[in-house]
C-alpha atoms as a PDB file:
ATOM      1  CA  MET A   1      28.740  36.084   3.154  1.00  0.00           C
ATOM      2  CA  LYS A   2      27.075  38.572   0.248  1.00  0.00           C
ATOM      3  CA  THR A   3      29.475  39.388  -2.651  1.00  0.00           C
ATOM      4  CA  PRO A   4      29.277  43.165  -3.579  1.00  0.00           C
ATOM      5  CA  ALA A   5      27.261  42.227  -6.897  1.00  0.00           C
ATOM      6  CA  THR A   6      24.817  40.558  -5.030  1.00  0.00           C
ATOM      7  CA  ALA A   7      23.819  43.159  -2.696  1.00  0.00           C
ATOM      8  CA  HIS A   8      23.725  45.540  -5.353  1.00  0.00           C
ATOM      9  CA  LEU A   9      20.995  43.272  -7.111  1.00  0.00           C
ATOM     10  CA  LEU A  10      19.078  42.940  -4.046  1.00  0.00           C
ATOM     11  CA  LEU A  11      18.799  46.762  -3.612  1.00  0.00           C
ATOM     12  CA  SER A  12      17.967  47.209  -7.149  1.00  0.00           C
ATOM     13  CA  GLY A  13      15.279  45.236  -6.836  1.00  0.00           C
ATOM     14  CA  LEU A  14      14.348  46.639  -3.722  1.00  0.00           C
ATOM     15  CA  ILE A  15      14.367  50.264  -5.395  1.00  0.00           C
ATOM     16  CA  LEU A  16      11.973  48.309  -8.231  1.00  0.00           C
ATOM     17  CA  ALA A  17       9.977  47.255  -5.979  1.00  0.00           C
ATOM     18  CA  GLY A  18       9.250  50.424  -4.120  1.00  0.00           C
ATOM     19  CA  LEU A  19       9.120  52.509  -6.882  1.00  0.00           C
ATOM     20  CA  ALA A  20       6.415  50.181  -9.050  1.00  0.00           C
ATOM     21  CA  LEU A  21       4.629  50.078  -5.802  1.00  0.00           C
ATOM     22  CA  LEU A  22       4.659  54.163  -5.147  1.00  0.00           C
ATOM     23  CA  GLY A  23       4.177  54.261  -9.115  1.00  0.00           C
ATOM     24  CA  PRO A  24       0.643  54.914  -9.250  1.00  0.00           C
ATOM     25  CA  ARG A  25       0.493  57.048  -6.186  1.00  0.00           C
ATOM     26  CA  LEU A  26       2.826  59.522  -7.590  1.00  0.00           C
ATOM     27  CA  ASP A  27       1.359  59.202 -10.746  1.00  0.00           C
ATOM     28  CA  ARG A  28      -1.860  60.714  -9.073  1.00  0.00           C
ATOM     29  CA  VAL A  29       0.070  63.261  -7.412  1.00  0.00           C
ATOM     30  CA  PHE A  30       1.489  64.497 -10.738  1.00  0.00           C
ATOM     31  CA  THR A  31      -1.336  64.086 -12.533  1.00  0.00           C
ATOM     32  CA  HIS A  32      -3.598  66.327 -10.034  1.00  0.00           C
ATOM     33  CA  SER A  33      -0.990  68.909  -9.019  1.00  0.00           C
ATOM     34  CA  SER A  34      -1.696  70.805 -12.197  1.00  0.00           C
ATOM     35  CA  PRO A  35      -5.256  70.717 -14.033  1.00  0.00           C
ATOM     36  CA  ALA A  36      -5.779  70.615 -17.741  1.00  0.00           C
ATOM     37  CA  GLN A  37      -6.719  73.982 -19.534  1.00  0.00           C
ATOM     38  CA  ILE A  38      -9.779  73.044 -21.994  1.00  0.00           C
ATOM     39  CA  VAL A  39     -10.397  76.623 -23.286  1.00  0.00           C
ATOM     40  CA  VAL A  40     -13.589  76.484 -25.693  1.00  0.00           C
ATOM     41  CA  GLN A  41     -14.037  79.135 -28.720  1.00  0.00           C
ATOM     42  CA  ALA A  42     -17.682  79.661 -29.057  1.00  0.00           C
ATOM     43  CA  ASP A  43     -16.840  82.429 -31.717  1.00  0.00           C
ATOM     44  CA  GLN A  44     -14.765  80.659 -34.041  1.00  0.00           C
ATOM     45  CA  THR A  45     -16.359  77.894 -35.825  1.00  0.00           C
ATOM     46  CA  LEU A  46     -14.507  75.832 -37.901  1.00  0.00           C
ATOM     47  CA  ALA A  47     -16.876  73.186 -40.083  1.00  0.00           C
ATOM     48  CA  PRO A  48     -20.629  72.513 -40.339  1.00  0.00           C
ATOM     49  CA  VAL A  49     -21.130  68.761 -38.866  1.00  0.00           C
ATOM     50  CA  ASN A  50     -22.277  66.271 -41.238  1.00  0.00           C
ATOM     51  CA  PRO A  51     -25.670  64.650 -39.672  1.00  0.00           C
ATOM     52  CA  LEU A  52     -24.432  61.622 -41.010  1.00  0.00           C
ATOM     53  CA  LEU A  53     -21.116  61.830 -38.848  1.00  0.00           C
ATOM     54  CA  PHE A  54     -22.582  59.651 -36.031  1.00  0.00           C
ATOM     55  CA  GLY A  55     -24.817  57.318 -37.580  1.00  0.00           C
ATOM     56  CA  GLN A  56     -27.366  56.716 -40.070  1.00  0.00           C
ATOM     57  CA  ASN A  57     -31.087  57.400 -39.746  1.00  0.00           C
ATOM     58  CA  LEU A  58     -32.648  58.212 -43.328  1.00  0.00           C
ATOM     59  CA  GLY A  59     -36.346  57.583 -41.410  1.00  0.00           C
ATOM     60  CA  PRO A  60     -38.350  55.005 -39.633  1.00  0.00           C
ATOM     61  CA  TRP A  61     -35.792  52.116 -41.030  1.00  0.00           C
ATOM     62  CA  MET A  62     -35.278  53.064 -44.904  1.00  0.00           C
ATOM     63  CA  HIS A  63     -35.986  51.482 -48.306  1.00  0.00           C
ATOM     64  CA  THR A  64     -33.619  48.653 -48.252  1.00  0.00           C
ATOM     65  CA  THR A  65     -32.320  49.157 -51.856  1.00  0.00           C
ATOM     66  CA  GLU A  66     -29.193  47.782 -53.211  1.00  0.00           C
ATOM     67  CA  THR A  67     -26.895  50.141 -52.720  1.00  0.00           C
ATOM     68  CA  TYR A  68     -28.108  50.554 -48.920  1.00  0.00           C
ATOM     69  CA  VAL A  69     -27.564  46.369 -48.250  1.00  0.00           C
ATOM     70  CA  ALA A  70     -24.317  46.332 -49.857  1.00  0.00           C
ATOM     71  CA  GLN A  71     -23.022  49.394 -47.780  1.00  0.00           C
ATOM     72  CA  TYR A  72     -23.925  47.021 -44.703  1.00  0.00           C
ATOM     73  CA  GLN A  73     -21.989  44.419 -46.139  1.00  0.00           C
ATOM     74  CA  ASP A  74     -19.252  45.857 -46.776  1.00  0.00           C
ATOM     75  CA  VAL A  75     -18.676  47.131 -43.189  1.00  0.00           C
ATOM     76  CA  GLY A  76     -19.826  43.553 -41.722  1.00  0.00           C
ATOM     77  CA  VAL A  77     -22.456  44.674 -39.675  1.00  0.00           C
ATOM     78  CA  ALA A  78     -22.676  41.931 -36.825  1.00  0.00           C
ATOM     79  CA  LEU A  79     -25.431  43.479 -34.804  1.00  0.00           C
ATOM     80  CA  LEU A  80     -28.643  45.328 -35.313  1.00  0.00           C
ATOM     81  CA  ARG A  81     -30.992  47.209 -32.968  1.00  0.00           C
ATOM     82  CA  PHE A  82     -34.654  47.366 -33.204  1.00  0.00           C
ATOM     83  CA  PRO A  83     -36.290  49.866 -32.449  1.00  0.00           C
ATOM     84  CA  ALA A  84     -32.965  52.188 -32.963  1.00  0.00           C
ATOM     85  CA  GLY A  85     -33.261  54.917 -29.831  1.00  0.00           C
ATOM     86  CA  ASN A  86     -36.624  56.048 -28.635  1.00  0.00           C
ATOM     87  CA  TRP A  87     -38.206  56.283 -32.154  1.00  0.00           C
ATOM     88  CA  GLY A  88     -40.273  52.954 -31.420  1.00  0.00           C
ATOM     89  CA  ASP A  89     -41.703  54.149 -28.142  1.00  0.00           C
ATOM     90  CA  GLU A  90     -42.373  57.400 -29.690  1.00  0.00           C
ATOM     91  CA  HIS A  91     -44.117  56.221 -33.080  1.00  0.00           C
ATOM     92  CA  ASP A  92     -46.424  53.453 -34.339  1.00  0.00           C
ATOM     93  CA  LEU A  93     -44.600  51.055 -36.994  1.00  0.00           C
ATOM     94  CA  TYR A  94     -46.283  50.446 -40.135  1.00  0.00           C
ATOM     95  CA  PRO A  95     -45.637  46.808 -42.250  1.00  0.00           C
ATOM     96  CA  ASN A  96     -43.624  47.933 -44.381  1.00  0.00           C
ATOM     97  CA  ASN A  97     -41.003  48.887 -41.501  1.00  0.00           C
ATOM     98  CA  LEU A  98     -40.992  45.483 -40.655  1.00  0.00           C
ATOM     99  CA  ASP A  99     -40.715  44.544 -44.419  1.00  0.00           C
ATOM    100  CA  ASP A 100     -37.656  46.680 -44.566  1.00  0.00           C
ATOM    101  CA  LEU A 101     -35.786  45.599 -41.284  1.00  0.00           C
ATOM    102  CA  GLY A 102     -36.991  41.647 -42.466  1.00  0.00           C
ATOM    103  CA  ALA A 103     -35.275  42.442 -45.959  1.00  0.00           C
ATOM    104  CA  LEU A 104     -32.116  43.874 -44.621  1.00  0.00           C
ATOM    105  CA  ALA A 105     -31.879  41.047 -41.504  1.00  0.00           C
ATOM    106  CA  ASP A 106     -32.098  38.241 -44.552  1.00  0.00           C
ATOM    107  CA  ALA A 107     -29.560  40.169 -46.329  1.00  0.00           C
ATOM    108  CA  LEU A 108     -27.099  40.353 -43.689  1.00  0.00           C
ATOM    109  CA  GLN A 109     -25.485  37.035 -43.189  1.00  0.00           C
ATOM    110  CA  GLY A 110     -28.698  35.486 -42.692  1.00  0.00           C
ATOM    111  CA  THR A 111     -29.630  37.393 -39.106  1.00  0.00           C
ATOM    112  CA  THR A 112     -32.416  36.372 -37.448  1.00  0.00           C
ATOM    113  CA  TRP A 113     -35.119  37.963 -35.463  1.00  0.00           C
ATOM    114  CA  GLN A 114     -33.944  36.660 -32.341  1.00  0.00           C
ATOM    115  CA  GLY A 115     -30.742  38.183 -33.263  1.00  0.00           C
ATOM    116  CA  LEU A 116     -32.694  41.588 -34.018  1.00  0.00           C
ATOM    117  CA  ILE A 117     -33.889  41.441 -30.691  1.00  0.00           C
ATOM    118  CA  GLY A 118     -30.352  40.958 -28.752  1.00  0.00           C
ATOM    119  CA  ASN A 119     -29.654  39.768 -25.169  1.00  0.00           C
ATOM    120  CA  LEU A 120     -31.265  41.958 -23.008  1.00  0.00           C
ATOM    121  CA  GLU A 121     -28.484  40.547 -20.134  1.00  0.00           C
ATOM    122  CA  ASP A 122     -25.721  41.313 -22.510  1.00  0.00           C
ATOM    123  CA  PRO A 123     -26.212  44.819 -23.522  1.00  0.00           C
ATOM    124  CA  ARG A 124     -23.624  46.758 -25.337  1.00  0.00           C
ATOM    125  CA  PRO A 125     -22.462  50.056 -23.247  1.00  0.00           C
ATOM    126  CA  VAL A 126     -21.502  51.723 -26.319  1.00  0.00           C
ATOM    127  CA  TYR A 127     -24.242  52.073 -27.960  1.00  0.00           C
ATOM    128  CA  ASP A 128     -25.510  54.234 -24.985  1.00  0.00           C
ATOM    129  CA  VAL A 129     -22.893  56.813 -26.023  1.00  0.00           C
ATOM    130  CA  TYR A 130     -25.259  57.607 -28.781  1.00  0.00           C
ATOM    131  CA  ARG A 131     -27.398  59.525 -26.378  1.00  0.00           C
ATOM    132  CA  LEU A 132     -24.758  61.945 -25.941  1.00  0.00           C
ATOM    133  CA  TYR A 133     -23.983  61.991 -29.547  1.00  0.00           C
ATOM    134  CA  ALA A 134     -27.859  62.930 -30.098  1.00  0.00           C
ATOM    135  CA  ARG A 135     -27.478  66.116 -28.144  1.00  0.00           C
ATOM    136  CA  TRP A 136     -24.354  67.267 -30.410  1.00  0.00           C
ATOM    137  CA  GLY A 137     -24.947  70.564 -32.317  1.00  0.00           C
ATOM    138  CA  THR A 138     -24.648  71.519 -35.791  1.00  0.00           C
ATOM    139  CA  ALA A 139     -21.594  73.663 -35.742  1.00  0.00           C
ATOM    140  CA  GLN A 140     -18.266  72.837 -34.922  1.00  0.00           C
ATOM    141  CA  VAL A 141     -16.443  75.452 -33.023  1.00  0.00           C
ATOM    142  CA  ALA A 142     -12.657  75.851 -31.983  1.00  0.00           C
ATOM    143  CA  ALA A 143     -11.510  73.658 -28.545  1.00  0.00           C
ATOM    144  CA  GLU A 144      -8.012  73.261 -27.016  1.00  0.00           C
ATOM    145  CA  SER A 145      -6.892  70.701 -24.228  1.00  0.00           C
ATOM    146  CA  SER A 146      -3.552  70.835 -22.547  1.00  0.00           C
ATOM    147  CA  ASP A 147      -3.842  67.010 -22.328  1.00  0.00           C
ATOM    148  CA  GLU A 148      -4.541  66.230 -25.936  1.00  0.00           C
ATOM    149  CA  PRO A 149      -3.412  62.858 -25.684  1.00  0.00           C
ATOM    150  CA  LEU A 150      -5.367  62.026 -22.812  1.00  0.00           C
ATOM    151  CA  LEU A 151      -8.438  64.482 -22.089  1.00  0.00           C
ATOM    152  CA  PRO A 152      -9.432  65.831 -25.662  1.00  0.00           C
ATOM    153  CA  ALA A 153     -12.212  68.273 -25.741  1.00  0.00           C
ATOM    154  CA  PHE A 154     -14.893  69.478 -29.115  1.00  0.00           C
ATOM    155  CA  ALA A 155     -17.334  72.004 -29.393  1.00  0.00           C
ATOM    156  CA  SER A 156     -20.328  72.783 -31.066  1.00  0.00           C
ATOM    157  CA  LEU A 157     -23.047  75.039 -31.268  1.00  0.00           C
ATOM    158  CA  ARG A 158     -26.897  73.715 -31.761  1.00  0.00           C
ATOM    159  CA  ASP A 159     -29.327  75.425 -33.582  1.00  0.00           C
ATOM    160  CA  ASP A 160     -30.855  76.129 -30.418  1.00  0.00           C
ATOM    161  CA  ARG A 161     -27.978  78.790 -29.171  1.00  0.00           C
ATOM    162  CA  ARG A 162     -26.416  76.281 -26.839  1.00  0.00           C
ATOM    163  CA  LEU A 163     -23.249  75.243 -26.793  1.00  0.00           C
ATOM    164  CA  ALA A 164     -21.891  71.793 -26.687  1.00  0.00           C
ATOM    165  CA  ILE A 165     -18.922  70.340 -24.862  1.00  0.00           C
ATOM    166  CA  LEU A 166     -17.853  66.820 -25.114  1.00  0.00           C
ATOM    167  CA  VAL A 167     -14.581  65.798 -22.478  1.00  0.00           C
ATOM    168  CA  VAL A 168     -13.373  62.316 -23.255  1.00  0.00           C
ATOM    169  CA  ASN A 169     -10.589  61.000 -20.499  1.00  0.00           C
ATOM    170  CA  LYS A 170      -8.806  58.412 -21.655  1.00  0.00           C
ATOM    171  CA  ASP A 171      -7.060  57.453 -18.635  1.00  0.00           C
ATOM    172  CA  PRO A 172      -8.322  54.210 -17.570  1.00  0.00           C
ATOM    173  CA  THR A 173      -7.436  54.089 -13.722  1.00  0.00           C
ATOM    174  CA  LEU A 174      -7.430  58.002 -12.999  1.00  0.00           C
ATOM    175  CA  ALA A 175      -9.929  60.153 -12.553  1.00  0.00           C
ATOM    176  CA  ARG A 176      -8.476  63.946 -14.213  1.00  0.00           C
ATOM    177  CA  GLU A 177      -9.168  67.555 -13.091  1.00  0.00           C
ATOM    178  CA  ALA A 178      -9.662  70.449 -15.778  1.00  0.00           C
ATOM    179  CA  THR A 179     -10.338  73.942 -15.841  1.00  0.00           C
ATOM    180  CA  LEU A 180     -12.906  74.878 -18.625  1.00  0.00           C
ATOM    181  CA  THR A 181     -12.611  78.442 -19.865  1.00  0.00           C
ATOM    182  CA  VAL A 182     -15.429  79.223 -22.359  1.00  0.00           C
ATOM    183  CA  GLU A 183     -14.772  82.164 -24.531  1.00  0.00           C
ATOM    184  CA  GLY A 184     -17.277  84.240 -27.183  1.00  0.00           C
ATOM    185  CA  PHE A 185     -20.222  82.646 -25.259  1.00  0.00           C
ATOM    186  CA  ARG A 186     -21.918  83.984 -22.073  1.00  0.00           C
ATOM    187  CA  PRO A 187     -23.338  81.193 -20.297  1.00  0.00           C
ATOM    188  CA  ALA A 188     -26.500  81.375 -18.412  1.00  0.00           C
ATOM    189  CA  GLY A 189     -25.865  80.126 -15.281  1.00  0.00           C
ATOM    190  CA  GLN A 190     -26.381  76.196 -15.306  1.00  0.00           C
ATOM    191  CA  ALA A 191     -25.245  73.314 -17.304  1.00  0.00           C
ATOM    192  CA  GLN A 192     -26.703  69.837 -18.053  1.00  0.00           C
ATOM    193  CA  VAL A 193     -24.643  67.303 -17.902  1.00  0.00           C
ATOM    194  CA  TRP A 194     -23.983  63.690 -19.957  1.00  0.00           C
ATOM    195  CA  LEU A 195     -21.800  60.792 -18.721  1.00  0.00           C
ATOM    196  CA  GLN A 196     -20.898  57.536 -19.989  1.00  0.00           C
ATOM    197  CA  ASP A 197     -18.943  55.501 -17.871  1.00  0.00           C
ATOM    198  CA  GLU A 198     -18.419  51.939 -16.089  1.00  0.00           C
ATOM    199  CA  GLN A 199     -21.346  52.989 -14.088  1.00  0.00           C
ATOM    200  CA  HIS A 200     -23.453  55.200 -15.824  1.00  0.00           C
ATOM    201  CA  LEU A 201     -24.534  54.146 -19.733  1.00  0.00           C
ATOM    202  CA  GLY A 202     -25.349  57.646 -21.567  1.00  0.00           C
ATOM    203  CA  THR A 203     -26.768  58.876 -18.130  1.00  0.00           C
ATOM    204  CA  GLU A 204     -28.473  62.431 -17.362  1.00  0.00           C
ATOM    205  CA  LEU A 205     -26.383  64.029 -14.220  1.00  0.00           C
ATOM    206  CA  PRO A 206     -27.736  66.874 -11.634  1.00  0.00           C
ATOM    207  CA  ALA A 207     -26.957  70.081 -13.262  1.00  0.00           C
ATOM    208  CA  ILE A 208     -24.077  72.318 -12.282  1.00  0.00           C
ATOM    209  CA  ALA A 209     -23.099  75.699 -11.766  1.00  0.00           C
ATOM    210  CA  VAL A 210     -21.354  77.004 -14.463  1.00  0.00           C
ATOM    211  CA  ALA A 211     -19.571  80.248 -15.353  1.00  0.00           C
ATOM    212  CA  GLU A 212     -17.511  81.479 -18.186  1.00  0.00           C
ATOM    213  CA  THR A 213     -14.602  79.630 -16.341  1.00  0.00           C
ATOM    214  CA  PHE A 214     -15.668  76.479 -14.082  1.00  0.00           C
ATOM    215  CA  PRO A 215     -13.322  73.516 -12.680  1.00  0.00           C
ATOM    216  CA  TYR A 216     -14.478  69.839 -13.184  1.00  0.00           C
ATOM    217  CA  THR A 217     -13.295  66.296 -12.394  1.00  0.00           C
ATOM    218  CA  PHE A 218     -13.553  63.901 -15.132  1.00  0.00           C
ATOM    219  CA  PRO A 219     -14.433  60.410 -14.270  1.00  0.00           C
ATOM    220  CA  PRO A 220     -11.659  57.157 -15.360  1.00  0.00           C
ATOM    221  CA  TYR A 221     -12.482  56.092 -18.795  1.00  0.00           C
ATOM    222  CA  SER A 222     -15.401  58.333 -19.348  1.00  0.00           C
ATOM    223  CA  VAL A 223     -17.048  60.744 -22.052  1.00  0.00           C
ATOM    224  CA  THR A 224     -18.533  63.626 -20.611  1.00  0.00           C
ATOM    225  CA  LEU A 225     -21.029  66.105 -22.513  1.00  0.00           C
ATOM    226  CA  PHE A 226     -22.118  69.437 -21.277  1.00  0.00           C
ATOM    227  CA  ILE A 227     -24.817  71.294 -22.615  1.00  0.00           C
ATOM    228  CA  LEU A 228     -24.707  75.259 -21.720  1.00  0.00           C
ATOM    229  CA  GLU A 229     -27.822  77.455 -21.901  1.00  0.00           C
ATOM    230  CA  PRO A 230     -27.111  81.124 -23.355  1.00  0.00           C
ATOM    231  CA  ALA A 231     -27.294  83.959 -20.455  1.00  0.00           C
ATOM    232  CA  PRO A 232     -30.485  86.173 -21.542  1.00  0.00           C
ATOM    233  CA  GLN A 233     -29.412  88.649 -24.598  1.00  0.00           C
ATOM    234  CA  SER A 234     -28.948  92.179 -22.932  1.00  0.00           C
ATOM    235  CA  ARG A 235     -32.047  94.672 -24.063  1.00  0.00           C
ATOM    236  CA  TRP A 236     -30.313  97.504 -23.376  1.00  0.00           C
ATOM    237  CA  ILE A 237     -29.502  98.158 -27.229  1.00  0.00           C
ATOM    238  CA  LEU A 238     -33.611  97.917 -27.537  1.00  0.00           C
ATOM    239  CA  TRP A 239     -34.355 100.436 -24.955  1.00  0.00           C
ATOM    240  CA  ALA A 240     -31.574 102.744 -26.477  1.00  0.00           C
ATOM    241  CA  GLY A 241     -33.060 102.665 -29.605  1.00  0.00           C
ATOM    242  CA  LEU A 242     -36.565 103.619 -28.333  1.00  0.00           C
ATOM    243  CA  GLY A 243     -35.189 106.415 -26.252  1.00  0.00           C
ATOM    244  CA  LEU A 244     -33.827 108.019 -28.898  1.00  0.00           C
ATOM    245  CA  LEU A 245     -36.629 107.703 -31.096  1.00  0.00           C
ATOM    246  CA  ALA A 246     -38.591 109.207 -28.431  1.00  0.00           C
ATOM    247  CA  VAL A 247     -35.965 112.072 -28.087  1.00  0.00           C
ATOM    248  CA  THR A 248     -35.999 112.469 -32.232  1.00  0.00           C
ATOM    249  CA  LEU A 249     -39.508 112.516 -32.273  1.00  0.00           C
ATOM    250  CA  ALA A 250     -39.435 115.521 -29.084  1.00  0.00           C
ATOM    251  CA  VAL A 251     -37.309 117.433 -31.287  1.00  0.00           C
ATOM    252  CA  LEU A 252     -39.245 117.483 -34.116  1.00  0.00           C
ATOM    253  CA  ALA A 253     -42.782 117.902 -32.486  1.00  0.00           C
ATOM    254  CA  THR A 254     -40.626 121.318 -30.806  1.00  0.00           C
ATOM    255  CA  LEU A 255     -39.763 122.240 -34.278  1.00  0.00           C
ATOM    256  CA  GLY A 256     -42.399 121.729 -35.866  1.00  0.00           C
ATOM    257  CA  ARG A 257     -44.123 124.323 -33.505  1.00  0.00           C
ATOM    258  CA  TRP A 258     -41.607 126.545 -33.753  1.00  0.00           C
ATOM    259  CA  VAL A 259     -41.442 126.684 -37.582  1.00  0.00           C
ATOM    260  CA  TRP A 260     -45.937 126.777 -38.139  1.00  0.00           C
ATOM    261  CA  ARG A 261     -46.253 129.004 -35.169  1.00  0.00           C
ATOM    262  CA  PRO A 262     -48.480 132.410 -36.284  1.00  0.00           C
ATOM    263  CA  ARG A 263     -46.945 135.197 -37.255  1.00  0.00           C
END
């Protein structure tokens, strides 16, 4: 006959096993019961975005001065991609570009040309997130998330008046829902979407319909970038000004005829 202590241990074990099995489902239920709230205040500029924030690009490569070589050696660069990005697809390389590349490779612990090309069968997915960063703006604006630990959000204004919103889902297993609210910016109605996750490497997705408030579900362990077009500016001020000018001219013309009429 089982002792009370043994029965208690068995019952406790069954409870723990049940919680372990139901834990992910319960977490999904509680996580998705109330979507996170992300608020972007496009009219509150925080700071200019440093162009060197996400990398260093001083032209078609750069002159490999001792200063730059020393900086790369200090950070321990182990992989060089060449050409980096789409520059090589859109421009012709000059001999000095290759000379600089070779000099830099030799300085970085004897990196070989084969190492520069890299193994095409072993891509680095992290590199592709720079496709998203390349579309970032020049002025950071305020953005807050009610789920900051797992779903932080960032926003910036671009020189073309578009608004960029970047949301990171740090949850490795669960998609997370959020309601995005944009203040101080009137969207045109659609937004471009770029995604970086396990299946999408800096990929542009189909455009989505957006308003000043819109919902979105972010895939697990992902970075999502929205590019919002500004709504066309209203022309009522221009037309009101032209109307006021026309009325003023008509009044002046009437006064002129009254003043200069024959007496």
